[in-house]
Protein backbone atom coordinates (compact mmCIF):
# COMPACT_ATOMS: atom_id res chain seq x y z
CA MET A 1 -84.81 16.00 -12.54
CA LEU A 2 -84.81 18.96 -10.33
CA ILE A 3 -81.93 17.63 -8.16
CA PHE A 4 -80.33 16.44 -11.09
CA ALA A 5 -80.20 19.92 -12.33
CA LEU A 6 -79.47 21.18 -8.99
CA GLY A 7 -75.80 18.34 -8.74
CA ILE A 8 -75.10 20.21 -11.79
CA MET A 9 -75.44 23.80 -11.44
CA ILE A 10 -73.64 23.43 -8.08
CA SER A 11 -70.91 20.60 -9.72
CA ILE A 12 -70.05 23.38 -12.49
CA VAL A 13 -69.53 26.48 -10.17
CA MET A 14 -67.23 25.13 -7.49
CA PHE A 15 -64.98 23.50 -10.89
CA ILE A 16 -65.37 27.21 -12.39
CA TYR A 17 -64.86 28.32 -8.50
CA TYR A 18 -61.09 25.86 -7.82
CA LYS A 19 -59.79 26.91 -11.97
CA VAL A 20 -60.06 30.59 -10.64
CA VAL A 21 -58.40 29.53 -7.47
CA ILE A 22 -55.42 27.93 -9.50
CA LEU A 23 -54.70 31.40 -10.45
CA ARG A 24 -54.38 33.33 -7.26
CA THR A 25 -52.03 30.93 -6.05
CA LYS A 26 -48.21 30.67 -5.92
CA ASP A 27 -47.46 27.42 -4.71
CA PRO A 28 -47.52 24.42 -7.27
CA LEU A 29 -48.20 22.12 -4.77
CA VAL A 30 -51.22 23.90 -3.50
CA GLN A 31 -52.26 24.69 -7.06
CA VAL A 32 -51.89 20.30 -7.85
CA TYR A 33 -54.14 20.18 -5.43
CA PHE A 34 -56.60 22.50 -6.20
CA ASN A 35 -56.45 20.51 -9.89
CA SER A 36 -58.18 17.71 -8.36
CA LYS A 37 -61.19 19.76 -6.34
CA ALA A 38 -61.77 21.55 -9.98
CA ARG A 39 -60.63 17.30 -11.71
CA PHE A 40 -63.55 15.91 -9.06
CA PHE A 41 -65.80 18.56 -9.60
CA LEU A 42 -66.45 17.84 -12.87
CA GLY A 43 -66.69 13.94 -13.19
CA THR A 44 -69.26 15.20 -11.24
CA PHE A 45 -70.63 17.44 -13.72
CA LEU A 46 -70.41 15.10 -16.31
CA ILE A 47 -72.55 11.73 -14.27
CA PHE A 48 -75.40 14.58 -12.97
CA PHE A 49 -75.71 15.47 -17.17
CA GLY A 50 -75.34 12.03 -18.19
CA ILE A 51 -78.36 11.51 -15.60
CA ASN A 52 -80.21 13.80 -16.47
CA GLN A 53 -80.16 13.72 -20.25
CA TYR A 54 -80.88 10.15 -20.19
CA LEU A 55 -84.22 10.38 -17.93
CA ALA A 56 -85.38 13.65 -20.06
CA TYR A 57 -85.22 12.27 -23.59
CA GLN A 58 -84.89 8.81 -22.81
CA TYR A 59 -83.95 6.88 -26.62
CA THR A 60 -80.98 4.62 -27.23
CA PHE A 61 -78.45 6.39 -28.55
CA VAL A 62 -79.06 9.26 -25.39
CA LEU A 63 -78.89 6.61 -22.89
CA ILE A 64 -75.34 5.48 -24.50
CA ILE A 65 -74.07 9.14 -24.86
CA SER A 66 -75.36 9.28 -21.46
CA ILE A 67 -73.77 5.31 -20.12
CA ILE A 68 -70.55 7.41 -22.10
CA PHE A 69 -70.77 10.93 -19.65
CA ILE A 70 -71.58 8.52 -16.81
CA LEU A 71 -68.41 6.67 -17.01
CA LEU A 72 -65.58 9.10 -18.21
CA GLY A 73 -67.84 11.86 -15.09
CA GLY A 74 -67.28 8.54 -12.61
CA TYR A 75 -63.25 8.19 -13.40
CA GLN A 76 -62.72 12.11 -13.25
CA SER A 77 -64.26 11.88 -9.80
CA TYR A 78 -62.69 8.58 -8.44
CA HIS A 79 -58.83 10.07 -9.85
CA GLY A 80 -59.63 13.98 -8.84
CA PHE A 81 -60.87 12.14 -5.30
CA LYS A 82 -58.05 9.78 -5.12
CA ALA A 83 -55.57 13.04 -6.75
CA ALA A 84 -56.70 15.43 -3.56
CA ARG A 85 -57.05 13.15 -0.45
CA HIS A 86 -53.13 12.54 -1.45
CA TYR A 87 -51.86 16.46 -1.65
CA ASP A 88 -54.08 17.26 0.97
CA SER A 89 -51.83 14.21 2.63
CA GLU A 90 -48.65 15.85 1.33
CA TRP A 91 -49.27 19.61 2.31
CA LYS A 92 -50.22 18.27 6.18
CA ARG A 93 -47.16 16.33 6.07
CA LEU A 94 -44.52 19.60 4.81
CA ASN A 95 -46.91 22.49 6.72
CA GLU A 96 -46.78 20.93 10.27
């Protein structure tokens, strides 16, 4: 249970960090890259939160809501990771 709480805290801090960094950068490609990283951490937050809530309150209704959170978090994490990888390679290609 402690590992999920730690994962929740780390992922929300990283999400906020990347959202703040977006405001400080001027390059649109770097902004999109940081936004995709933030999206990845938002997804991990939803996954950890869904698992933690189900372990804390083991009811059927909470199970349904937790499954929805886990699915949405998996979607956000997967597409955020893919986008971050794409924009990272684009940045490397343009700045060789």
